[in-house]
């Protein structure tokens, strides 16, 4: 139930409120598609508990709260630009490219969560029986769930042809993911030592061949 409530709150803040002065756009196929992607992402990840975020604050570096807060901003900025300031062309090239990024991002995110299984948590933490997972999407990058979500942010902006909003989202989220990834990798190095350091040598953090 809590997961459904969180999903509704995010939809209201990120998608519905930005269109409060142009509500008819809520029924636009592009917007319906993006909200569906959001619902899938939220319902396929573990439920977040505020108490957990507070408890893990020192290890997590409050990154879970940063991700949630700036995810709303990064969703809303392209929507606001598209709804009130852009010259949307409806080009099939941008629709196809943006839609492809969104679909690919959802797939990678869900694949990563399913691959990690019980070890996927909202906050940075290590369980007593924790295993270092290196198969599936984790063969490609060390943090594929963030790559998937990042692709959805970028794809949404491309789909809406919201270039300024997309740039804002790209910069904000890469910064937030940098904080989260740093916290995660510090914890994983402490837990797995040379095993993780060796894994880190052969993979990129978030973007294949780049970073």
N, C-alpha and C. Protein backbone atom coordinates (compact mmCIF):
# COMPACT_ATOMS: atom_id res chain seq x y z
N UNK A 1 0.83 -1.21 0.00
CA UNK A 1 0.00 0.00 0.00
C UNK A 1 0.87 1.26 0.00
N UNK A 2 1.94 1.24 0.82
CA UNK A 2 2.81 2.41 0.91
C UNK A 2 3.46 2.69 -0.44
N UNK A 3 3.81 1.64 -1.18
CA UNK A 3 4.42 1.81 -2.49
C UNK A 3 3.48 2.51 -3.45
N UNK A 4 2.20 2.17 -3.39
CA UNK A 4 1.20 2.80 -4.25
C UNK A 4 1.04 4.28 -3.88
N UNK A 5 1.04 4.56 -2.58
CA UNK A 5 0.93 5.96 -2.12
C UNK A 5 2.13 6.77 -2.61
N UNK A 6 3.33 6.21 -2.49
CA UNK A 6 4.53 6.91 -2.96
C UNK A 6 4.46 7.17 -4.46
N UNK A 7 3.95 6.20 -5.21
CA UNK A 7 3.82 6.35 -6.66
C UNK A 7 2.87 7.49 -6.99
N UNK A 8 1.75 7.54 -6.32
CA UNK A 8 0.75 8.59 -6.57
C UNK A 8 1.31 9.96 -6.23
N UNK A 9 2.01 10.05 -5.09
CA UNK A 9 2.61 11.34 -4.68
C UNK A 9 3.60 11.82 -5.72
N UNK A 10 4.44 10.90 -6.23
CA UNK A 10 5.43 11.28 -7.23
C UNK A 10 4.75 11.72 -8.52
N UNK A 11 3.71 11.02 -8.93
CA UNK A 11 2.96 11.40 -10.14
C UNK A 11 2.36 12.79 -10.00
N UNK A 12 1.81 13.07 -8.83
CA UNK A 12 1.19 14.38 -8.60
C UNK A 12 2.24 15.48 -8.65
N UNK A 13 3.34 15.30 -7.94
CA UNK A 13 4.37 16.33 -7.87
C UNK A 13 5.13 16.49 -9.19
N UNK A 14 5.45 15.39 -9.83
CA UNK A 14 6.30 15.45 -11.01
C UNK A 14 5.58 15.66 -12.32
N UNK A 15 4.34 15.17 -12.42
CA UNK A 15 3.64 15.20 -13.70
C UNK A 15 2.36 16.04 -13.70
N UNK A 16 1.58 15.95 -12.64
CA UNK A 16 0.27 16.62 -12.63
C UNK A 16 0.39 18.09 -12.27
N UNK A 17 1.08 18.41 -11.18
CA UNK A 17 1.20 19.82 -10.78
C UNK A 17 1.87 20.69 -11.85
N UNK A 18 2.92 20.22 -12.54
CA UNK A 18 3.51 21.06 -13.59
C UNK A 18 2.53 21.42 -14.72
N UNK A 19 1.47 20.62 -14.85
CA UNK A 19 0.49 20.87 -15.92
C UNK A 19 -0.81 21.47 -15.38
N UNK A 20 -0.73 22.04 -14.19
CA UNK A 20 -1.95 22.56 -13.56
C UNK A 20 -2.61 23.68 -14.38
N UNK A 21 -1.80 24.41 -15.16
CA UNK A 21 -2.35 25.49 -15.97
C UNK A 21 -2.62 25.05 -17.41
N UNK A 22 -2.36 23.80 -17.69
CA UNK A 22 -2.66 23.24 -19.01
C UNK A 22 -3.03 21.77 -18.85
N UNK A 23 -4.08 21.49 -18.10
CA UNK A 23 -4.41 20.12 -17.71
C UNK A 23 -4.76 19.20 -18.86
N UNK A 24 -5.17 19.74 -19.99
CA UNK A 24 -5.54 18.90 -21.12
C UNK A 24 -4.34 18.07 -21.60
N UNK A 25 -3.11 18.55 -21.34
CA UNK A 25 -1.92 17.82 -21.77
C UNK A 25 -1.70 16.53 -20.98
N UNK A 26 -2.41 16.39 -19.86
CA UNK A 26 -2.30 15.15 -19.11
C UNK A 26 -2.78 13.95 -19.92
N UNK A 27 -3.65 14.21 -20.90
CA UNK A 27 -4.19 13.14 -21.73
C UNK A 27 -3.42 12.96 -23.03
N UNK A 28 -2.35 13.75 -23.19
CA UNK A 28 -1.50 13.59 -24.37
C UNK A 28 -0.84 12.20 -24.32
N UNK A 29 -0.79 11.49 -25.43
CA UNK A 29 -0.18 10.14 -25.43
C UNK A 29 1.24 10.11 -24.88
N UNK A 30 2.00 11.16 -25.15
CA UNK A 30 3.38 11.20 -24.64
C UNK A 30 3.38 11.26 -23.12
N UNK A 31 2.50 12.09 -22.56
CA UNK A 31 2.45 12.22 -21.11
C UNK A 31 1.93 10.95 -20.46
N UNK A 32 0.93 10.33 -21.06
CA UNK A 32 0.40 9.07 -20.53
C UNK A 32 1.48 7.99 -20.55
N UNK A 33 2.29 7.98 -21.61
CA UNK A 33 3.37 7.00 -21.72
C UNK A 33 4.42 7.21 -20.65
N UNK A 34 4.76 8.47 -20.40
CA UNK A 34 5.78 8.78 -19.39
C UNK A 34 5.27 8.46 -17.98
N UNK A 35 4.00 8.71 -17.73
CA UNK A 35 3.45 8.37 -16.42
C UNK A 35 3.39 6.86 -16.23
N UNK A 36 3.11 6.13 -17.31
CA UNK A 36 3.11 4.67 -17.23
C UNK A 36 4.52 4.16 -16.91
N UNK A 37 5.53 4.75 -17.54
CA UNK A 37 6.92 4.37 -17.26
C UNK A 37 7.25 4.63 -15.79
N UNK A 38 6.80 5.76 -15.27
CA UNK A 38 7.02 6.11 -13.87
C UNK A 38 6.38 5.08 -12.94
N UNK A 39 5.16 4.69 -13.26
CA UNK A 39 4.45 3.71 -12.43
C UNK A 39 5.20 2.38 -12.41
N UNK A 40 5.67 1.95 -13.58
CA UNK A 40 6.42 0.69 -13.66
C UNK A 40 7.68 0.76 -12.81
N UNK A 41 8.40 1.88 -12.91
CA UNK A 41 9.64 2.02 -12.15
C UNK A 41 9.38 1.98 -10.65
N UNK A 42 8.35 2.66 -10.21
CA UNK A 42 8.06 2.70 -8.78
C UNK A 42 7.58 1.36 -8.25
N UNK A 43 6.73 0.68 -9.00
CA UNK A 43 6.14 -0.55 -8.50
C UNK A 43 7.08 -1.75 -8.58
N UNK A 44 8.18 -1.61 -9.32
CA UNK A 44 9.12 -2.73 -9.43
C UNK A 44 10.33 -2.57 -8.52
N UNK A 45 10.35 -1.51 -7.73
CA UNK A 45 11.47 -1.32 -6.80
C UNK A 45 10.98 -1.48 -5.36
N UNK A 46 11.90 -1.73 -4.43
CA UNK A 46 11.48 -1.92 -3.04
C UNK A 46 10.82 -0.67 -2.47
N UNK A 47 9.94 -0.89 -1.52
CA UNK A 47 9.27 0.22 -0.84
C UNK A 47 10.28 1.00 -0.01
N UNK A 48 10.22 2.32 -0.11
CA UNK A 48 11.12 3.17 0.68
C UNK A 48 10.44 3.56 1.98
N UNK A 49 11.19 3.45 3.08
CA UNK A 49 10.69 3.88 4.38
C UNK A 49 11.56 5.04 4.88
N UNK A 50 10.93 6.12 5.29
CA UNK A 50 11.65 7.30 5.76
C UNK A 50 12.58 6.93 6.92
N UNK A 51 12.09 6.05 7.79
CA UNK A 51 12.89 5.63 8.95
C UNK A 51 14.21 4.99 8.50
N UNK A 52 14.13 4.24 7.40
CA UNK A 52 15.33 3.59 6.87
C UNK A 52 16.33 4.64 6.38
N UNK A 53 15.82 5.68 5.72
CA UNK A 53 16.69 6.74 5.23
C UNK A 53 17.38 7.48 6.36
N UNK A 54 16.65 7.71 7.45
CA UNK A 54 17.22 8.39 8.61
C UNK A 54 18.26 7.50 9.30
N UNK A 55 17.93 6.22 9.43
CA UNK A 55 18.83 5.27 10.09
C UNK A 55 20.15 5.12 9.35
N UNK A 56 20.07 5.11 8.01
CA UNK A 56 21.25 4.89 7.19
C UNK A 56 21.88 6.21 6.71
N UNK A 57 21.49 7.32 7.32
CA UNK A 57 21.90 8.64 6.84
C UNK A 57 23.40 8.79 6.70
N UNK A 58 24.16 8.32 7.67
CA UNK A 58 25.61 8.51 7.64
C UNK A 58 26.25 7.73 6.49
N UNK A 59 25.87 6.47 6.33
CA UNK A 59 26.43 5.65 5.26
C UNK A 59 25.88 6.07 3.91
N UNK A 60 24.61 6.37 3.88
CA UNK A 60 23.92 6.71 2.64
C UNK A 60 24.22 8.13 2.17
N UNK A 61 24.75 8.95 3.06
CA UNK A 61 25.01 10.38 2.78
C UNK A 61 23.74 11.11 2.34
N UNK A 62 22.59 10.65 2.86
CA UNK A 62 21.27 11.23 2.54
C UNK A 62 20.96 11.18 1.05
N UNK A 63 21.65 10.32 0.32
CA UNK A 63 21.47 10.29 -1.14
C UNK A 63 20.08 9.85 -1.54
N UNK A 64 19.42 9.01 -0.73
CA UNK A 64 18.08 8.58 -1.10
C UNK A 64 17.12 9.75 -1.12
N UNK A 65 17.27 10.68 -0.16
CA UNK A 65 16.42 11.86 -0.14
C UNK A 65 16.75 12.80 -1.30
N UNK A 66 18.04 12.91 -1.62
CA UNK A 66 18.45 13.73 -2.76
C UNK A 66 17.89 13.19 -4.07
N UNK A 67 17.97 11.86 -4.23
CA UNK A 67 17.47 11.24 -5.45
C UNK A 67 15.97 11.47 -5.60
N UNK A 68 15.22 11.26 -4.55
CA UNK A 68 13.77 11.44 -4.61
C UNK A 68 13.40 12.89 -4.91
N UNK A 69 14.06 13.81 -4.21
CA UNK A 69 13.74 15.24 -4.39
C UNK A 69 14.07 15.72 -5.79
N UNK A 70 15.29 15.42 -6.24
CA UNK A 70 15.72 15.94 -7.53
C UNK A 70 15.17 15.14 -8.70
N UNK A 71 14.69 13.95 -8.44
CA UNK A 71 13.98 13.21 -9.48
C UNK A 71 12.68 13.94 -9.85
N UNK A 72 12.00 14.46 -8.84
CA UNK A 72 10.79 15.24 -9.09
C UNK A 72 11.12 16.47 -9.94
N UNK A 73 12.19 17.17 -9.55
CA UNK A 73 12.62 18.37 -10.30
C UNK A 73 12.99 18.00 -11.73
N UNK A 74 13.71 16.89 -11.90
CA UNK A 74 14.20 16.49 -13.21
C UNK A 74 13.09 15.99 -14.12
N UNK A 75 12.01 15.51 -13.53
CA UNK A 75 10.83 15.13 -14.30
C UNK A 75 10.03 16.38 -14.68
N UNK A 76 9.89 17.27 -13.72
CA UNK A 76 9.03 18.44 -13.91
C UNK A 76 9.60 19.47 -14.88
N UNK A 77 10.91 19.68 -14.87
CA UNK A 77 11.51 20.72 -15.72
C UNK A 77 11.22 20.53 -17.21
N UNK A 78 11.47 19.35 -17.79
CA UNK A 78 11.13 19.17 -19.21
C UNK A 78 9.63 19.31 -19.48
N UNK A 79 8.80 18.86 -18.53
CA UNK A 79 7.36 18.95 -18.74
C UNK A 79 6.91 20.41 -18.76
N UNK A 80 7.44 21.21 -17.85
CA UNK A 80 7.10 22.64 -17.82
C UNK A 80 7.53 23.33 -19.11
N UNK A 81 8.75 23.02 -19.56
CA UNK A 81 9.22 23.62 -20.81
C UNK A 81 8.33 23.21 -21.97
N UNK A 82 8.01 21.94 -22.06
CA UNK A 82 7.17 21.42 -23.14
C UNK A 82 5.77 22.05 -23.13
N UNK A 83 5.21 22.20 -21.93
CA UNK A 83 3.84 22.68 -21.80
C UNK A 83 3.67 24.18 -22.02
N UNK A 84 4.72 24.96 -21.68
CA UNK A 84 4.53 26.42 -21.67
C UNK A 84 5.54 27.21 -22.50
N UNK A 85 6.69 26.63 -22.83
CA UNK A 85 7.74 27.44 -23.44
C UNK A 85 8.33 26.89 -24.73
N UNK A 86 8.06 25.64 -25.07
CA UNK A 86 8.77 25.04 -26.20
C UNK A 86 8.00 25.19 -27.51
N UNK A 87 8.74 24.97 -28.60
CA UNK A 87 8.14 24.91 -29.93
C UNK A 87 8.21 23.46 -30.38
N UNK A 88 7.31 22.66 -29.83
CA UNK A 88 7.30 21.22 -30.07
C UNK A 88 6.96 20.93 -31.53
N UNK A 89 7.80 20.15 -32.22
CA UNK A 89 7.57 19.87 -33.64
C UNK A 89 6.86 18.56 -33.89
N UNK A 90 6.91 17.66 -32.90
CA UNK A 90 6.29 16.36 -33.09
C UNK A 90 7.05 15.49 -34.07
N UNK A 91 8.32 15.77 -34.26
CA UNK A 91 9.15 15.00 -35.19
C UNK A 91 9.22 13.54 -34.76
N UNK A 92 9.01 12.64 -35.72
CA UNK A 92 9.07 11.21 -35.42
C UNK A 92 10.48 10.79 -35.02
N UNK A 93 11.47 11.53 -35.46
CA UNK A 93 12.83 11.21 -35.07
C UNK A 93 13.00 11.36 -33.55
N UNK A 94 12.52 12.49 -33.00
CA UNK A 94 12.64 12.72 -31.56
C UNK A 94 11.72 11.81 -30.78
N UNK A 95 10.54 11.54 -31.32
CA UNK A 95 9.62 10.63 -30.65
C UNK A 95 10.23 9.23 -30.55
N UNK A 96 10.82 8.78 -31.67
CA UNK A 96 11.43 7.46 -31.69
C UNK A 96 12.64 7.38 -30.78
N UNK A 97 13.51 8.40 -30.85
CA UNK A 97 14.72 8.40 -30.03
C UNK A 97 14.38 8.50 -28.56
N UNK A 98 13.51 9.45 -28.22
CA UNK A 98 13.11 9.62 -26.83
C UNK A 98 12.40 8.40 -26.28
N UNK A 99 11.46 7.89 -27.07
CA UNK A 99 10.73 6.69 -26.65
C UNK A 99 11.65 5.50 -26.46
N UNK A 100 12.64 5.38 -27.35
CA UNK A 100 13.61 4.30 -27.24
C UNK A 100 14.43 4.39 -25.97
N UNK A 101 14.85 5.62 -25.62
CA UNK A 101 15.59 5.82 -24.38
C UNK A 101 14.75 5.46 -23.16
N UNK A 102 13.48 5.88 -23.17
CA UNK A 102 12.60 5.60 -22.04
C UNK A 102 12.38 4.09 -21.89
N UNK A 103 12.05 3.43 -23.00
CA UNK A 103 11.82 1.98 -22.94
C UNK A 103 13.08 1.23 -22.52
N UNK A 104 14.21 1.63 -23.12
CA UNK A 104 15.48 1.00 -22.77
C UNK A 104 15.84 1.23 -21.31
N UNK A 105 15.59 2.44 -20.84
CA UNK A 105 15.89 2.75 -19.44
C UNK A 105 15.04 1.96 -18.47
N UNK A 106 13.75 1.84 -18.78
CA UNK A 106 12.86 1.04 -17.92
C UNK A 106 13.33 -0.41 -17.89
N UNK A 107 13.67 -0.94 -19.07
CA UNK A 107 14.13 -2.33 -19.16
C UNK A 107 15.39 -2.55 -18.34
N UNK A 108 16.38 -1.67 -18.49
CA UNK A 108 17.64 -1.82 -17.77
C UNK A 108 17.43 -1.69 -16.27
N UNK A 109 16.60 -0.74 -15.87
CA UNK A 109 16.33 -0.53 -14.43
C UNK A 109 15.68 -1.77 -13.82
N UNK A 110 14.65 -2.27 -14.46
CA UNK A 110 13.95 -3.45 -13.94
C UNK A 110 14.86 -4.67 -13.95
N UNK A 111 15.63 -4.83 -15.02
CA UNK A 111 16.58 -5.94 -15.13
C UNK A 111 17.60 -5.90 -13.99
N UNK A 112 18.11 -4.71 -13.72
CA UNK A 112 19.10 -4.55 -12.64
C UNK A 112 18.50 -4.89 -11.28
N UNK A 113 17.28 -4.43 -11.03
CA UNK A 113 16.63 -4.69 -9.75
C UNK A 113 16.37 -6.19 -9.57
N UNK A 114 15.89 -6.83 -10.64
CA UNK A 114 15.61 -8.26 -10.58
C UNK A 114 16.91 -9.07 -10.39
N UNK A 115 17.98 -8.63 -11.05
CA UNK A 115 19.25 -9.33 -10.94
C UNK A 115 19.82 -9.23 -9.53
N UNK A 116 19.72 -8.06 -8.95
CA UNK A 116 20.27 -7.86 -7.59
C UNK A 116 19.38 -8.51 -6.53
N UNK A 117 18.09 -8.61 -6.83
CA UNK A 117 17.18 -9.29 -5.91
C UNK A 117 17.10 -8.64 -4.54
N UNK A 118 17.25 -9.43 -3.49
CA UNK A 118 17.09 -8.92 -2.12
C UNK A 118 18.19 -7.94 -1.73
N UNK A 119 19.27 -7.89 -2.51
CA UNK A 119 20.36 -6.97 -2.19
C UNK A 119 20.09 -5.55 -2.70
N UNK A 120 19.02 -5.39 -3.48
CA UNK A 120 18.67 -4.04 -3.96
C UNK A 120 17.87 -3.34 -2.87
N UNK A 121 18.39 -2.24 -2.37
CA UNK A 121 17.72 -1.49 -1.30
C UNK A 121 17.65 -0.01 -1.65
N UNK A 122 16.72 0.67 -1.01
CA UNK A 122 16.55 2.10 -1.28
C UNK A 122 17.72 2.92 -0.77
N UNK A 123 18.32 2.47 0.32
CA UNK A 123 19.47 3.17 0.89
C UNK A 123 20.72 2.31 0.76
N UNK A 124 21.86 2.93 0.98
CA UNK A 124 23.13 2.20 0.91
C UNK A 124 23.28 1.37 2.18
N UNK A 125 23.36 0.06 2.00
CA UNK A 125 23.53 -0.82 3.15
C UNK A 125 24.03 -2.19 2.70
N UNK A 126 24.69 -2.89 3.61
CA UNK A 126 25.22 -4.23 3.34
C UNK A 126 24.60 -5.20 4.33
N UNK A 127 24.04 -6.29 3.81
CA UNK A 127 23.45 -7.31 4.68
C UNK A 127 24.52 -8.31 5.11
N UNK A 128 24.21 -9.11 6.11
CA UNK A 128 25.18 -10.07 6.64
C UNK A 128 25.59 -11.11 5.60
N UNK A 129 24.66 -11.48 4.72
CA UNK A 129 24.95 -12.51 3.71
C UNK A 129 25.17 -11.90 2.32
N UNK A 130 25.54 -10.63 2.29
CA UNK A 130 25.63 -9.90 1.02
C UNK A 130 26.64 -10.57 0.06
N UNK A 131 26.24 -10.64 -1.19
CA UNK A 131 27.10 -11.19 -2.24
C UNK A 131 27.38 -10.11 -3.28
N UNK A 132 28.57 -10.13 -3.86
CA UNK A 132 28.91 -9.18 -4.92
C UNK A 132 28.36 -9.72 -6.23
N UNK A 133 27.38 -9.03 -6.78
CA UNK A 133 26.72 -9.46 -8.01
C UNK A 133 27.43 -8.82 -9.21
N UNK A 134 27.85 -9.66 -10.16
CA UNK A 134 28.58 -9.17 -11.33
C UNK A 134 27.99 -9.70 -12.64
N UNK A 135 26.85 -10.33 -12.57
CA UNK A 135 26.23 -10.87 -13.79
C UNK A 135 25.13 -9.95 -14.31
N UNK A 136 24.52 -10.34 -15.42
CA UNK A 136 23.46 -9.53 -16.01
C UNK A 136 23.97 -8.15 -16.39
N UNK A 137 23.20 -7.11 -16.11
CA UNK A 137 23.63 -5.74 -16.47
C UNK A 137 24.85 -5.28 -15.69
N UNK A 138 25.16 -5.97 -14.58
CA UNK A 138 26.31 -5.60 -13.76
C UNK A 138 27.63 -6.00 -14.42
N UNK A 139 27.54 -6.74 -15.53
CA UNK A 139 28.73 -7.00 -16.33
C UNK A 139 29.13 -5.78 -17.16
N UNK A 140 28.14 -4.91 -17.41
CA UNK A 140 28.33 -3.76 -18.30
C UNK A 140 28.77 -2.52 -17.52
N UNK A 141 27.99 -2.18 -16.50
CA UNK A 141 28.35 -1.06 -15.61
C UNK A 141 28.07 -1.49 -14.17
N UNK A 142 28.67 -0.80 -13.23
CA UNK A 142 28.53 -1.18 -11.83
C UNK A 142 27.21 -0.73 -11.21
N UNK A 143 26.56 0.24 -11.83
CA UNK A 143 25.32 0.78 -11.26
C UNK A 143 24.25 0.90 -12.35
N UNK A 144 23.83 -0.23 -12.92
CA UNK A 144 22.88 -0.19 -14.04
C UNK A 144 21.49 0.33 -13.69
N UNK A 145 21.09 0.20 -12.42
CA UNK A 145 19.76 0.72 -12.07
C UNK A 145 19.72 2.23 -12.21
N UNK A 146 20.83 2.90 -11.88
CA UNK A 146 20.89 4.35 -12.05
C UNK A 146 21.01 4.73 -13.52
N UNK A 147 21.72 3.91 -14.27
CA UNK A 147 21.80 4.14 -15.72
C UNK A 147 20.41 4.08 -16.33
N UNK A 148 19.62 3.08 -15.94
CA UNK A 148 18.27 2.95 -16.46
C UNK A 148 17.41 4.16 -16.15
N UNK A 149 17.46 4.58 -14.89
CA UNK A 149 16.67 5.75 -14.49
C UNK A 149 17.15 7.01 -15.21
N UNK A 150 18.46 7.14 -15.37
CA UNK A 150 19.03 8.31 -16.06
C UNK A 150 18.57 8.34 -17.52
N UNK A 151 18.52 7.17 -18.16
CA UNK A 151 18.04 7.09 -19.53
C UNK A 151 16.58 7.53 -19.64
N UNK A 152 15.78 7.20 -18.62
CA UNK A 152 14.38 7.62 -18.63
C UNK A 152 14.27 9.14 -18.53
N UNK A 153 15.08 9.76 -17.66
CA UNK A 153 15.07 11.22 -17.56
C UNK A 153 15.44 11.86 -18.90
N UNK A 154 16.53 11.38 -19.50
CA UNK A 154 16.99 11.94 -20.76
C UNK A 154 15.98 11.68 -21.87
N UNK A 155 15.48 10.45 -21.93
CA UNK A 155 14.51 10.08 -22.95
C UNK A 155 13.24 10.89 -22.87
N UNK A 156 12.80 11.17 -21.65
CA UNK A 156 11.59 11.99 -21.47
C UNK A 156 11.76 13.37 -22.08
N UNK A 157 12.92 13.97 -21.83
CA UNK A 157 13.19 15.31 -22.36
C UNK A 157 13.27 15.29 -23.89
N UNK A 158 13.90 14.25 -24.44
CA UNK A 158 14.00 14.14 -25.90
C UNK A 158 12.62 13.96 -26.50
N UNK A 159 11.81 13.10 -25.90
CA UNK A 159 10.46 12.85 -26.39
C UNK A 159 9.64 14.13 -26.43
N UNK A 160 9.82 14.98 -25.42
CA UNK A 160 9.08 16.23 -25.33
C UNK A 160 9.78 17.39 -26.04
N UNK A 161 10.98 17.12 -26.59
CA UNK A 161 11.80 18.16 -27.23
C UNK A 161 12.01 19.34 -26.29
N UNK A 162 12.28 19.02 -25.04
CA UNK A 162 12.50 20.03 -24.01
C UNK A 162 13.99 20.05 -23.70
N UNK A 163 14.73 20.83 -24.49
CA UNK A 163 16.18 20.76 -24.43
C UNK A 163 16.78 21.43 -23.20
N UNK A 164 16.25 22.57 -22.80
CA UNK A 164 16.76 23.23 -21.59
C UNK A 164 16.40 22.43 -20.36
N UNK A 165 15.15 21.99 -20.28
CA UNK A 165 14.72 21.17 -19.16
C UNK A 165 15.50 19.86 -19.11
N UNK A 166 15.78 19.30 -20.28
CA UNK A 166 16.55 18.07 -20.33
C UNK A 166 17.98 18.26 -19.86
N UNK A 167 18.57 19.41 -20.22
CA UNK A 167 19.93 19.70 -19.78
C UNK A 167 19.97 19.88 -18.27
N UNK A 168 18.98 20.57 -17.72
CA UNK A 168 18.90 20.74 -16.27
C UNK A 168 18.80 19.39 -15.58
N UNK A 169 17.93 18.53 -16.10
CA UNK A 169 17.74 17.19 -15.52
C UNK A 169 19.03 16.37 -15.61
N UNK A 170 19.70 16.44 -16.75
CA UNK A 170 20.93 15.66 -16.95
C UNK A 170 22.01 16.08 -15.96
N UNK A 171 22.17 17.38 -15.76
CA UNK A 171 23.21 17.88 -14.86
C UNK A 171 22.87 17.56 -13.41
N UNK A 172 21.62 17.81 -13.03
CA UNK A 172 21.20 17.56 -11.65
C UNK A 172 21.37 16.09 -11.28
N UNK A 173 20.88 15.21 -12.15
CA UNK A 173 20.87 13.79 -11.80
C UNK A 173 22.25 13.17 -11.86
N UNK A 174 23.12 13.64 -12.74
CA UNK A 174 24.48 13.07 -12.76
C UNK A 174 25.21 13.47 -11.48
N UNK A 175 24.92 14.66 -10.98
CA UNK A 175 25.52 15.11 -9.72
C UNK A 175 25.00 14.28 -8.54
N UNK A 176 23.68 14.08 -8.50
CA UNK A 176 23.08 13.30 -7.42
C UNK A 176 23.55 11.85 -7.47
N UNK A 177 23.62 11.28 -8.66
CA UNK A 177 24.09 9.90 -8.78
C UNK A 177 25.57 9.78 -8.40
N UNK A 178 26.32 10.83 -8.65
CA UNK A 178 27.73 10.83 -8.23
C UNK A 178 27.83 10.70 -6.71
N UNK A 179 26.98 11.43 -5.99
CA UNK A 179 26.97 11.34 -4.53
C UNK A 179 26.59 9.93 -4.09
N UNK A 180 25.55 9.40 -4.70
CA UNK A 180 25.06 8.07 -4.33
C UNK A 180 26.10 6.98 -4.65
N UNK A 181 26.67 7.06 -5.85
CA UNK A 181 27.65 6.05 -6.26
C UNK A 181 28.89 6.09 -5.38
N UNK A 182 29.33 7.29 -5.02
CA UNK A 182 30.48 7.42 -4.12
C UNK A 182 30.21 6.75 -2.79
N UNK A 183 29.01 6.98 -2.24
CA UNK A 183 28.64 6.36 -0.97
C UNK A 183 28.58 4.84 -1.10
N UNK A 184 27.99 4.36 -2.18
CA UNK A 184 27.88 2.92 -2.39
C UNK A 184 29.24 2.26 -2.53
N UNK A 185 30.10 2.88 -3.32
CA UNK A 185 31.39 2.25 -3.60
C UNK A 185 32.31 2.26 -2.37
N UNK A 186 32.22 3.28 -1.56
CA UNK A 186 32.98 3.29 -0.31
C UNK A 186 32.54 2.11 0.58
N UNK A 187 31.23 1.88 0.64
CA UNK A 187 30.69 0.79 1.44
C UNK A 187 31.07 -0.57 0.86
N UNK A 188 31.01 -0.70 -0.46
CA UNK A 188 31.34 -1.98 -1.10
C UNK A 188 32.82 -2.31 -1.00
N UNK A 189 33.67 -1.30 -1.07
CA UNK A 189 35.11 -1.54 -0.91
C UNK A 189 35.39 -2.04 0.51
N UNK A 190 34.73 -1.45 1.50
CA UNK A 190 34.92 -1.90 2.88
C UNK A 190 34.44 -3.33 3.06
N UNK A 191 33.35 -3.68 2.35
CA UNK A 191 32.75 -5.01 2.52
C UNK A 191 33.50 -6.09 1.75
N UNK A 192 33.97 -5.77 0.54
CA UNK A 192 34.54 -6.80 -0.33
C UNK A 192 36.02 -6.60 -0.66
N UNK A 193 36.59 -5.46 -0.30
CA UNK A 193 38.02 -5.23 -0.47
C UNK A 193 38.51 -5.41 -1.89
N UNK A 194 39.57 -6.21 -2.06
CA UNK A 194 40.21 -6.40 -3.36
C UNK A 194 39.26 -6.95 -4.41
N UNK A 195 38.31 -7.74 -3.97
CA UNK A 195 37.34 -8.33 -4.90
C UNK A 195 36.56 -7.24 -5.63
N UNK A 196 36.14 -6.23 -4.87
CA UNK A 196 35.40 -5.14 -5.50
C UNK A 196 36.33 -4.21 -6.29
N UNK A 197 37.52 -3.98 -5.77
CA UNK A 197 38.48 -3.13 -6.47
C UNK A 197 38.83 -3.73 -7.84
N UNK A 198 38.95 -5.05 -7.91
CA UNK A 198 39.22 -5.72 -9.18
C UNK A 198 38.03 -5.57 -10.13
N UNK A 199 36.83 -5.72 -9.60
CA UNK A 199 35.61 -5.54 -10.39
C UNK A 199 35.53 -4.12 -10.93
N UNK A 200 35.94 -3.18 -10.12
CA UNK A 200 35.89 -1.76 -10.50
C UNK A 200 36.84 -1.44 -11.64
N UNK A 201 37.95 -2.15 -11.70
CA UNK A 201 38.94 -1.92 -12.77
C UNK A 201 38.37 -2.26 -14.14
N UNK A 202 37.49 -3.26 -14.18
CA UNK A 202 37.01 -3.79 -15.46
C UNK A 202 35.64 -3.25 -15.88
N UNK A 203 35.07 -2.36 -15.11
CA UNK A 203 33.75 -1.82 -15.45
C UNK A 203 33.70 -0.31 -15.21
N UNK A 204 32.78 0.34 -15.90
CA UNK A 204 32.53 1.77 -15.67
C UNK A 204 31.44 1.91 -14.60
N UNK A 205 31.37 3.09 -14.00
CA UNK A 205 30.38 3.31 -12.95
C UNK A 205 28.95 3.35 -13.49
N UNK A 206 28.72 4.24 -14.45
CA UNK A 206 27.34 4.51 -14.87
C UNK A 206 27.15 4.46 -16.38
N UNK A 207 28.07 5.05 -17.12
CA UNK A 207 27.90 5.15 -18.56
C UNK A 207 28.98 4.32 -19.25
N UNK A 208 28.59 3.31 -20.01
CA UNK A 208 29.58 2.43 -20.66
C UNK A 208 30.61 3.21 -21.48
N UNK A 209 31.88 2.85 -21.27
CA UNK A 209 33.03 3.41 -21.99
C UNK A 209 33.35 4.86 -21.65
N UNK A 210 32.55 5.50 -20.78
CA UNK A 210 32.78 6.91 -20.47
C UNK A 210 33.07 7.15 -18.98
N UNK A 211 32.16 6.68 -18.10
CA UNK A 211 32.29 7.04 -16.67
C UNK A 211 31.62 5.99 -15.79
